[in-house]
Amino acid sequence: MVRYVSSQVHRVKIPCPICMDCYLNVEDCRNILPNKIFDLWEKLLCEAAIPEADKFYCPFKDCSALMIDDGECRKLARKFKCPHCDRMFCAQCKVAWHHGIRCKGFQGSNGDVMMMGLAKEKSWQRCPNCKLYVEKNGGCKSMYCRCGENFCYICGINPKKCSCTT
């Protein structure tokens, strides 16, 4: 059971391995799961309860902290200091803070063009939900972005709807 839950935890709602008609309850599994798996599952359940439009993440790969927009947050201020890693970033562009350059200027700048070139060279895929680049480092074509979106790494759509063969 531990191995099953560990392999399914990123689905958040984990089907019962016996009947597949209902879902496992995180609290019912508390005593059989290692703390690390239980904590991860709880964290993912909490994140899943937040509407996608209200979520944004620290763009720094070594942080990726989830933050919640209160509805006015990203409209009023673009410059944010991540409360977890203390680095500045632009919440609108979802990149490290681009000091002295407005978002429109940055998004059309060589930095963006260079990033897109690097992404193409490395065959990175963009998450269809949050638009962050994702790098595949093994496994199947089905990807889970840190925002929770599940998509095909080849075509970018839901893996259940895609017809990619590799």
C-alpha atoms as a PDB file:
ATOM      1  CA  MET A   1       0.000   0.000   0.000  1.00  0.00           C
ATOM      2  CA  VAL A   2       2.863   2.381   0.831  1.00  0.00           C
ATOM      3  CA  ARG A   3       4.413   1.826  -2.582  1.00  0.00           C
ATOM      4  CA  TYR A   4       1.033   2.345  -4.285  1.00  0.00           C
ATOM      5  CA  VAL A   5       0.305   5.621  -2.483  1.00  0.00           C
ATOM      6  CA  SER A   6       3.878   6.819  -3.073  1.00  0.00           C
ATOM      7  CA  SER A   7       3.510   6.232  -6.802  1.00  0.00           C
ATOM      8  CA  GLN A   8       0.099   7.935  -6.961  1.00  0.00           C
ATOM      9  CA  VAL A   9       0.545  10.849  -4.546  1.00  0.00           C
ATOM     10  CA  HIS A  10       0.916  13.468  -7.305  1.00  0.00           C
ATOM     11  CA  ARG A  11      -2.576  12.619  -8.517  1.00  0.00           C
ATOM     12  CA  VAL A  12      -3.802  14.102  -5.196  1.00  0.00           C
ATOM     13  CA  LYS A  13      -7.037  12.084  -5.307  1.00  0.00           C
ATOM     14  CA  ILE A  14      -5.749   8.523  -5.127  1.00  0.00           C
ATOM     15  CA  PRO A  15      -8.132   5.784  -6.311  1.00  0.00           C
ATOM     16  CA  CYS A  16      -8.671   2.829  -4.008  1.00  0.00           C
ATOM     17  CA  PRO A  17      -6.408   0.055  -5.342  1.00  0.00           C
ATOM     18  CA  ILE A  18      -9.083  -2.560  -4.671  1.00  0.00           C
ATOM     19  CA  CYS A  19     -12.278  -1.176  -6.180  1.00  0.00           C
ATOM     20  CA  MET A  20     -10.987   1.873  -8.127  1.00  0.00           C
ATOM     21  CA  ASP A  21     -14.468   3.403  -7.623  1.00  0.00           C
ATOM     22  CA  CYS A  22     -13.639   5.511  -4.585  1.00  0.00           C
ATOM     23  CA  TYR A  23     -10.658   7.457  -3.304  1.00  0.00           C
ATOM     24  CA  LEU A  24      -8.339   6.884  -0.377  1.00  0.00           C
ATOM     25  CA  ASN A  25      -8.685   9.226   2.585  1.00  0.00           C
ATOM     26  CA  VAL A  26      -5.408  10.799   3.643  1.00  0.00           C
ATOM     27  CA  GLU A  27      -6.236  10.529   7.357  1.00  0.00           C
ATOM     28  CA  ASP A  28      -7.089   6.828   7.050  1.00  0.00           C
ATOM     29  CA  CYS A  29      -3.610   6.238   5.636  1.00  0.00           C
ATOM     30  CA  ARG A  30      -1.712   8.272   8.243  1.00  0.00           C
ATOM     31  CA  ASN A  31      -0.574   5.285  10.316  1.00  0.00           C
ATOM     32  CA  ILE A  32       0.744   3.246   7.404  1.00  0.00           C
ATOM     33  CA  LEU A  33       2.565   5.951   5.446  1.00  0.00           C
ATOM     34  CA  PRO A  34       6.023   7.323   6.150  1.00  0.00           C
ATOM     35  CA  ASN A  35       5.849  10.923   7.383  1.00  0.00           C
ATOM     36  CA  LYS A  36       7.504  12.217   4.220  1.00  0.00           C
ATOM     37  CA  ILE A  37       4.819  10.709   1.942  1.00  0.00           C
ATOM     38  CA  PHE A  38       1.976  11.677   4.274  1.00  0.00           C
ATOM     39  CA  ASP A  39       3.210  15.285   4.513  1.00  0.00           C
ATOM     40  CA  LEU A  40       3.620  15.527   0.743  1.00  0.00           C
ATOM     41  CA  TRP A  41       0.095  14.197   0.171  1.00  0.00           C
ATOM     42  CA  GLU A  42      -1.356  16.662   2.687  1.00  0.00           C
ATOM     43  CA  LYS A  43       0.554  19.525   1.065  1.00  0.00           C
ATOM     44  CA  LEU A  44      -0.699  18.569  -2.393  1.00  0.00           C
ATOM     45  CA  LEU A  45      -4.282  18.282  -1.121  1.00  0.00           C
ATOM     46  CA  CYS A  46      -4.050  21.770   0.377  1.00  0.00           C
ATOM     47  CA  GLU A  47      -2.618  23.170  -2.857  1.00  0.00           C
ATOM     48  CA  ALA A  48      -5.368  21.476  -4.871  1.00  0.00           C
ATOM     49  CA  ALA A  49      -7.998  23.251  -2.759  1.00  0.00           C
ATOM     50  CA  ILE A  50      -6.722  26.649  -3.929  1.00  0.00           C
ATOM     51  CA  PRO A  51      -8.199  27.824  -7.246  1.00  0.00           C
ATOM     52  CA  GLU A  52      -5.596  27.864 -10.043  1.00  0.00           C
ATOM     53  CA  ALA A  53      -6.210  31.549 -10.735  1.00  0.00           C
ATOM     54  CA  ASP A  54      -5.155  32.371  -7.167  1.00  0.00           C
ATOM     55  CA  LYS A  55      -1.861  30.454  -7.234  1.00  0.00           C
ATOM     56  CA  PHE A  56       1.547  31.584  -8.308  1.00  0.00           C
ATOM     57  CA  TYR A  57       4.989  30.204  -7.590  1.00  0.00           C
ATOM     58  CA  CYS A  58       8.416  31.577  -6.909  1.00  0.00           C
ATOM     59  CA  PRO A  59      10.203  31.284 -10.269  1.00  0.00           C
ATOM     60  CA  PHE A  60      13.510  30.184  -8.761  1.00  0.00           C
ATOM     61  CA  LYS A  61      14.010  26.472  -9.386  1.00  0.00           C
ATOM     62  CA  ASP A  62      15.561  25.843  -5.979  1.00  0.00           C
ATOM     63  CA  CYS A  63      12.552  27.411  -4.241  1.00  0.00           C
ATOM     64  CA  SER A  64       9.268  27.111  -6.215  1.00  0.00           C
ATOM     65  CA  ALA A  65       7.282  28.185  -3.152  1.00  0.00           C
ATOM     66  CA  LEU A  66       3.536  28.434  -3.617  1.00  0.00           C
ATOM     67  CA  MET A  67       2.014  31.844  -3.008  1.00  0.00           C
ATOM     68  CA  ILE A  68      -1.624  32.843  -3.031  1.00  0.00           C
ATOM     69  CA  ASP A  69      -2.968  35.901  -4.808  1.00  0.00           C
ATOM     70  CA  ASP A  70      -5.717  37.625  -2.863  1.00  0.00           C
ATOM     71  CA  GLY A  71      -7.255  38.901  -6.085  1.00  0.00           C
ATOM     72  CA  GLU A  72      -5.455  42.235  -6.143  1.00  0.00           C
ATOM     73  CA  CYS A  73      -1.945  41.101  -5.401  1.00  0.00           C
ATOM     74  CA  ARG A  74      -0.513  40.733  -8.910  1.00  0.00           C
ATOM     75  CA  LYS A  75      -2.630  43.584 -10.287  1.00  0.00           C
ATOM     76  CA  LEU A  76      -1.251  46.137  -7.847  1.00  0.00           C
ATOM     77  CA  ALA A  77       2.363  45.057  -7.589  1.00  0.00           C
ATOM     78  CA  ARG A  78       4.629  43.150  -9.907  1.00  0.00           C
ATOM     79  CA  LYS A  79       7.720  43.185  -7.713  1.00  0.00           C
ATOM     80  CA  PHE A  80       7.549  40.477  -5.082  1.00  0.00           C
ATOM     81  CA  LYS A  81       9.921  39.191  -2.477  1.00  0.00           C
ATOM     82  CA  CYS A  82       9.509  35.476  -1.990  1.00  0.00           C
ATOM     83  CA  PRO A  83       8.810  34.848   1.704  1.00  0.00           C
ATOM     84  CA  HIS A  84      10.683  31.547   1.491  1.00  0.00           C
ATOM     85  CA  CYS A  85      13.927  32.371  -0.326  1.00  0.00           C
ATOM     86  CA  ASP A  86      13.904  36.194   0.060  1.00  0.00           C
ATOM     87  CA  ARG A  87      14.662  36.802  -3.636  1.00  0.00           C
ATOM     88  CA  MET A  88      12.878  39.383  -5.740  1.00  0.00           C
ATOM     89  CA  PHE A  89      10.819  38.373  -8.764  1.00  0.00           C
ATOM     90  CA  CYS A  90       8.191  39.709 -11.133  1.00  0.00           C
ATOM     91  CA  ALA A  91       4.872  38.019 -10.422  1.00  0.00           C
ATOM     92  CA  GLN A  92       3.484  39.075 -13.786  1.00  0.00           C
ATOM     93  CA  CYS A  93       6.371  37.764 -15.919  1.00  0.00           C
ATOM     94  CA  LYS A  94       7.139  34.881 -13.530  1.00  0.00           C
ATOM     95  CA  VAL A  95      10.897  35.509 -13.659  1.00  0.00           C
ATOM     96  CA  ALA A  96      13.620  37.034 -11.491  1.00  0.00           C
ATOM     97  CA  TRP A  97      13.038  40.762 -11.035  1.00  0.00           C
ATOM     98  CA  HIS A  98      13.864  42.697 -14.203  1.00  0.00           C
ATOM     99  CA  HIS A  99      15.013  45.951 -12.625  1.00  0.00           C
ATOM    100  CA  GLY A 100      14.408  49.050 -14.708  1.00  0.00           C
ATOM    101  CA  ILE A 101      12.430  47.296 -17.445  1.00  0.00           C
ATOM    102  CA  ARG A 102       8.641  47.304 -17.639  1.00  0.00           C
ATOM    103  CA  CYS A 103       6.969  43.936 -18.130  1.00  0.00           C
ATOM    104  CA  LYS A 104       5.953  44.671 -21.722  1.00  0.00           C
ATOM    105  CA  GLY A 105       9.511  45.672 -22.524  1.00  0.00           C
ATOM    106  CA  PHE A 106      10.934  42.630 -20.804  1.00  0.00           C
ATOM    107  CA  GLN A 107       8.541  40.209 -22.463  1.00  0.00           C
ATOM    108  CA  GLY A 108       9.581  41.482 -25.871  1.00  0.00           C
ATOM    109  CA  SER A 109      13.265  41.762 -25.018  1.00  0.00           C
ATOM    110  CA  ASN A 110      16.211  39.638 -26.040  1.00  0.00           C
ATOM    111  CA  GLY A 111      16.072  37.941 -22.637  1.00  0.00           C
ATOM    112  CA  ASP A 112      12.737  36.412 -23.528  1.00  0.00           C
ATOM    113  CA  VAL A 113      13.924  35.541 -27.027  1.00  0.00           C
ATOM    114  CA  MET A 114      17.066  33.968 -25.572  1.00  0.00           C
ATOM    115  CA  MET A 115      14.992  31.991 -23.084  1.00  0.00           C
ATOM    116  CA  MET A 116      12.711  30.717 -25.836  1.00  0.00           C
ATOM    117  CA  GLY A 117      15.776  29.779 -27.891  1.00  0.00           C
ATOM    118  CA  LEU A 118      17.261  27.858 -24.978  1.00  0.00           C
ATOM    119  CA  ALA A 119      13.925  26.141 -24.356  1.00  0.00           C
ATOM    120  CA  LYS A 120      13.762  25.081 -27.996  1.00  0.00           C
ATOM    121  CA  GLU A 121      17.378  23.885 -27.961  1.00  0.00           C
ATOM    122  CA  LYS A 122      16.806  21.844 -24.790  1.00  0.00           C
ATOM    123  CA  SER A 123      13.371  20.634 -26.004  1.00  0.00           C
ATOM    124  CA  TRP A 124      11.636  22.063 -22.956  1.00  0.00           C
ATOM    125  CA  GLN A 125       7.861  22.161 -22.935  1.00  0.00           C
ATOM    126  CA  ARG A 126       5.734  24.957 -21.497  1.00  0.00           C
ATOM    127  CA  CYS A 127       3.023  24.086 -19.030  1.00  0.00           C
ATOM    128  CA  PRO A 128      -0.315  24.911 -20.701  1.00  0.00           C
ATOM    129  CA  ASN A 129      -1.659  26.208 -17.386  1.00  0.00           C
ATOM    130  CA  CYS A 130       1.021  28.380 -15.762  1.00  0.00           C
ATOM    131  CA  LYS A 131       3.299  28.792 -18.823  1.00  0.00           C
ATOM    132  CA  LEU A 132       6.484  27.899 -16.953  1.00  0.00           C
ATOM    133  CA  TYR A 133       9.047  25.788 -18.774  1.00  0.00           C
ATOM    134  CA  VAL A 134       9.306  22.152 -17.725  1.00  0.00           C
ATOM    135  CA  GLU A 135      12.219  19.850 -18.422  1.00  0.00           C
ATOM    136  CA  LYS A 136      11.659  16.121 -18.819  1.00  0.00           C
ATOM    137  CA  ASN A 137      14.438  14.117 -17.221  1.00  0.00           C
ATOM    138  CA  GLY A 138      13.091  10.603 -17.606  1.00  0.00           C
ATOM    139  CA  GLY A 139       9.985   8.483 -17.486  1.00  0.00           C
ATOM    140  CA  CYS A 140       6.921   8.641 -19.666  1.00  0.00           C
ATOM    141  CA  LYS A 141       5.532  11.556 -21.670  1.00  0.00           C
ATOM    142  CA  SER A 142       2.940  12.449 -19.018  1.00  0.00           C
ATOM    143  CA  MET A 143       4.154  15.419 -16.971  1.00  0.00           C
ATOM    144  CA  TYR A 144       2.971  17.042 -13.767  1.00  0.00           C
ATOM    145  CA  CYS A 145       3.955  20.683 -13.452  1.00  0.00           C
ATOM    146  CA  ARG A 146       4.523  22.181 -10.022  1.00  0.00           C
ATOM    147  CA  CYS A 147       1.203  24.006 -10.490  1.00  0.00           C
ATOM    148  CA  GLY A 148      -0.494  20.586 -10.628  1.00  0.00           C
ATOM    149  CA  GLU A 149      -1.296  20.561 -14.344  1.00  0.00           C
ATOM    150  CA  ASN A 150      -0.958  17.170 -16.047  1.00  0.00           C
ATOM    151  CA  PHE A 151       0.036  17.371 -19.710  1.00  0.00           C
ATOM    152  CA  CYS A 152       1.781  15.450 -22.473  1.00  0.00           C
ATOM    153  CA  TYR A 153       5.398  16.567 -22.808  1.00  0.00           C
ATOM    154  CA  ILE A 154       5.270  16.061 -26.570  1.00  0.00           C
ATOM    155  CA  CYS A 155       2.105  17.919 -27.585  1.00  0.00           C
ATOM    156  CA  GLY A 156       1.217  19.876 -24.429  1.00  0.00           C
ATOM    157  CA  ILE A 157      -2.359  18.658 -23.987  1.00  0.00           C
ATOM    158  CA  ASN A 158      -3.978  16.371 -21.422  1.00  0.00           C
ATOM    159  CA  PRO A 159      -2.370  12.912 -21.828  1.00  0.00           C
ATOM    160  CA  LYS A 160      -5.792  11.258 -21.892  1.00  0.00           C
ATOM    161  CA  LYS A 161      -6.716  13.331 -24.952  1.00  0.00           C
ATOM    162  CA  CYS A 162      -3.433  13.247 -26.869  1.00  0.00           C
ATOM    163  CA  SER A 163      -2.526  10.753 -29.553  1.00  0.00           C
ATOM    164  CA  CYS A 164       1.264  10.912 -29.289  1.00  0.00           C
ATOM    165  CA  THR A 165       2.877   7.530 -29.723  1.00  0.00           C
ATOM    166  CA  THR A 166       6.309   8.029 -28.172  1.00  0.00           C
END
